[in-house]
Amino acid sequence: MKISKKIKLKIRDFKIGMRNLQLWFPVIYKDRNWDHHYLYEIIYHKLFLMEMRQSGPDSCIENGIEIADEIREVRMLLKNVIKDKYIDKDNSFELERNDVKKAFEIIGEKSQGWWD
């Protein structure tokens, strides 16, 4: 590989890394190590970025919209948990647990096909 091509790749990788820092800083800044809530926030954010990639013009996958829909389904389940949707329900713990279980089942079954 030519040296100029290696330099161009390093510059591209640096730009991507800086963009990732910008996208992730607010999420990581709020992260705390004492609650599952923050774990779901991080996963939610990663899924959001993946969904935007698969549904956007940069997607290299033929069925990008379908994949984005699958990712969105998981995000919405996690959003219910993050936003305490079930806080006023009698069986809130069970409802929340079901959403988390369903979200991770979808990730386990489909996530390996979400990449280009």
Protein backbone atom coordinates (compact mmCIF):
# COMPACT_ATOMS: atom_id res chain seq x y z
CA MET A 1 0.00 0.00 0.00
CA LYS A 2 1.32 3.42 -0.88
CA ILE A 3 2.32 5.75 1.92
CA SER A 4 -0.08 8.46 0.68
CA LYS A 5 -2.99 6.02 0.87
CA LYS A 6 -1.99 5.02 4.43
CA ILE A 7 -1.88 8.68 5.44
CA LYS A 8 -5.31 9.30 3.89
CA LEU A 9 -6.73 6.32 5.81
CA LYS A 10 -5.20 7.59 9.07
CA ILE A 11 -6.73 11.04 8.50
CA ARG A 12 -10.11 9.48 7.70
CA ASP A 13 -9.94 7.30 10.82
CA PHE A 14 -9.00 10.33 12.92
CA LYS A 15 -11.99 12.29 11.60
CA ILE A 16 -14.33 9.37 12.32
CA GLY A 17 -12.89 9.06 15.83
CA MET A 18 -13.39 12.77 16.50
CA ARG A 19 -16.96 12.55 15.24
CA ASN A 20 -17.57 9.56 17.52
CA LEU A 21 -16.24 11.53 20.49
CA GLN A 22 -18.67 14.32 19.66
CA LEU A 23 -21.61 11.91 19.29
CA TRP A 24 -20.85 9.91 22.44
CA PHE A 25 -19.59 12.56 24.88
CA PRO A 26 -23.03 13.61 26.23
CA VAL A 27 -24.04 9.98 26.77
CA ILE A 28 -20.81 8.91 28.45
CA TYR A 29 -20.68 12.09 30.54
CA LYS A 30 -24.03 11.21 32.14
CA ASP A 31 -23.05 7.56 32.70
CA ARG A 32 -22.96 6.32 36.30
CA ASN A 33 -21.86 2.91 37.52
CA TRP A 34 -24.64 2.22 39.99
CA ASP A 35 -27.77 1.71 37.94
CA HIS A 36 -28.94 -0.43 35.03
CA HIS A 37 -30.65 2.67 33.63
CA TYR A 38 -27.35 3.98 32.24
CA LEU A 39 -26.56 0.67 30.58
CA TYR A 40 -29.84 0.96 28.69
CA GLU A 41 -29.07 4.59 27.80
CA ILE A 42 -25.77 3.55 26.21
CA ILE A 43 -27.34 0.68 24.28
CA TYR A 44 -30.23 2.96 23.21
CA HIS A 45 -27.78 5.53 21.86
CA LYS A 46 -25.76 2.92 19.96
CA LEU A 47 -28.96 1.55 18.44
CA PHE A 48 -30.05 5.08 17.48
CA LEU A 49 -26.79 5.63 15.59
CA MET A 50 -27.12 2.24 13.90
CA GLU A 51 -30.72 2.95 12.92
CA MET A 52 -29.75 6.29 11.37
CA ARG A 53 -26.97 4.59 9.40
CA GLN A 54 -29.17 1.79 8.08
CA SER A 55 -32.08 4.05 7.14
CA GLY A 56 -29.95 6.83 5.69
CA PRO A 57 -28.36 7.41 2.30
CA ASP A 58 -25.02 5.93 3.46
CA SER A 59 -26.50 2.47 4.02
CA CYS A 60 -24.79 -0.22 1.98
CA ILE A 61 -27.35 -2.89 2.77
CA GLU A 62 -30.13 -3.78 0.39
CA ASN A 63 -32.69 -4.19 3.20
CA GLY A 64 -31.49 -1.24 5.28
CA ILE A 65 -35.00 0.07 5.99
CA GLU A 66 -36.13 -3.33 7.28
CA ILE A 67 -33.08 -3.53 9.53
CA ALA A 68 -33.70 0.03 10.76
CA ASP A 69 -37.25 -1.02 11.67
CA GLU A 70 -35.95 -3.98 13.70
CA ILE A 71 -33.48 -1.71 15.50
CA ARG A 72 -36.23 0.84 16.16
CA GLU A 73 -38.37 -1.86 17.77
CA VAL A 74 -35.58 -2.61 20.24
CA ARG A 75 -35.00 1.09 20.89
CA MET A 76 -38.67 1.66 21.68
CA LEU A 77 -38.67 -1.21 24.17
CA LEU A 78 -35.61 0.24 25.89
CA LYS A 79 -37.10 3.73 25.77
CA ASN A 80 -40.08 2.45 27.78
CA VAL A 81 -37.66 1.33 30.48
CA ILE A 82 -35.50 4.46 30.35
CA LYS A 83 -38.52 6.77 30.59
CA ASP A 84 -40.11 4.74 33.43
CA LYS A 85 -43.24 4.19 31.35
CA TYR A 86 -44.60 1.67 33.84
CA ILE A 87 -43.90 3.56 37.07
CA ASP A 88 -47.57 4.01 37.94
CA LYS A 89 -48.64 0.47 37.06
CA ASP A 90 -49.26 -2.22 39.69
CA ASN A 91 -47.04 -4.72 37.91
CA SER A 92 -44.37 -2.22 36.80
CA PHE A 93 -41.42 -4.49 37.59
CA GLU A 94 -42.84 -7.31 35.48
CA LEU A 95 -43.73 -5.01 32.55
CA GLU A 96 -40.27 -3.46 32.59
CA ARG A 97 -38.60 -6.86 32.80
CA ASN A 98 -40.66 -8.10 29.84
CA ASP A 99 -39.57 -5.13 27.69
CA VAL A 100 -35.91 -5.69 28.58
CA LYS A 101 -36.20 -9.41 27.90
CA LYS A 102 -37.89 -8.84 24.54
CA ALA A 103 -35.31 -6.20 23.53
CA PHE A 104 -32.40 -8.50 24.25
CA GLU A 105 -34.11 -11.44 22.55
CA ILE A 106 -34.39 -9.38 19.37
CA ILE A 107 -30.75 -8.31 19.68
CA GLY A 108 -29.72 -11.94 20.19
CA GLU A 109 -31.73 -13.20 17.23
CA LYS A 110 -31.15 -10.44 14.68
CA SER A 111 -28.18 -8.21 15.51
CA GLN A 112 -25.61 -10.22 13.55
CA GLY A 113 -27.56 -9.36 10.40
CA TRP A 114 -27.64 -5.61 11.12
CA TRP A 115 -24.22 -4.85 9.70
CA ASP A 116 -23.09 -3.98 6.22
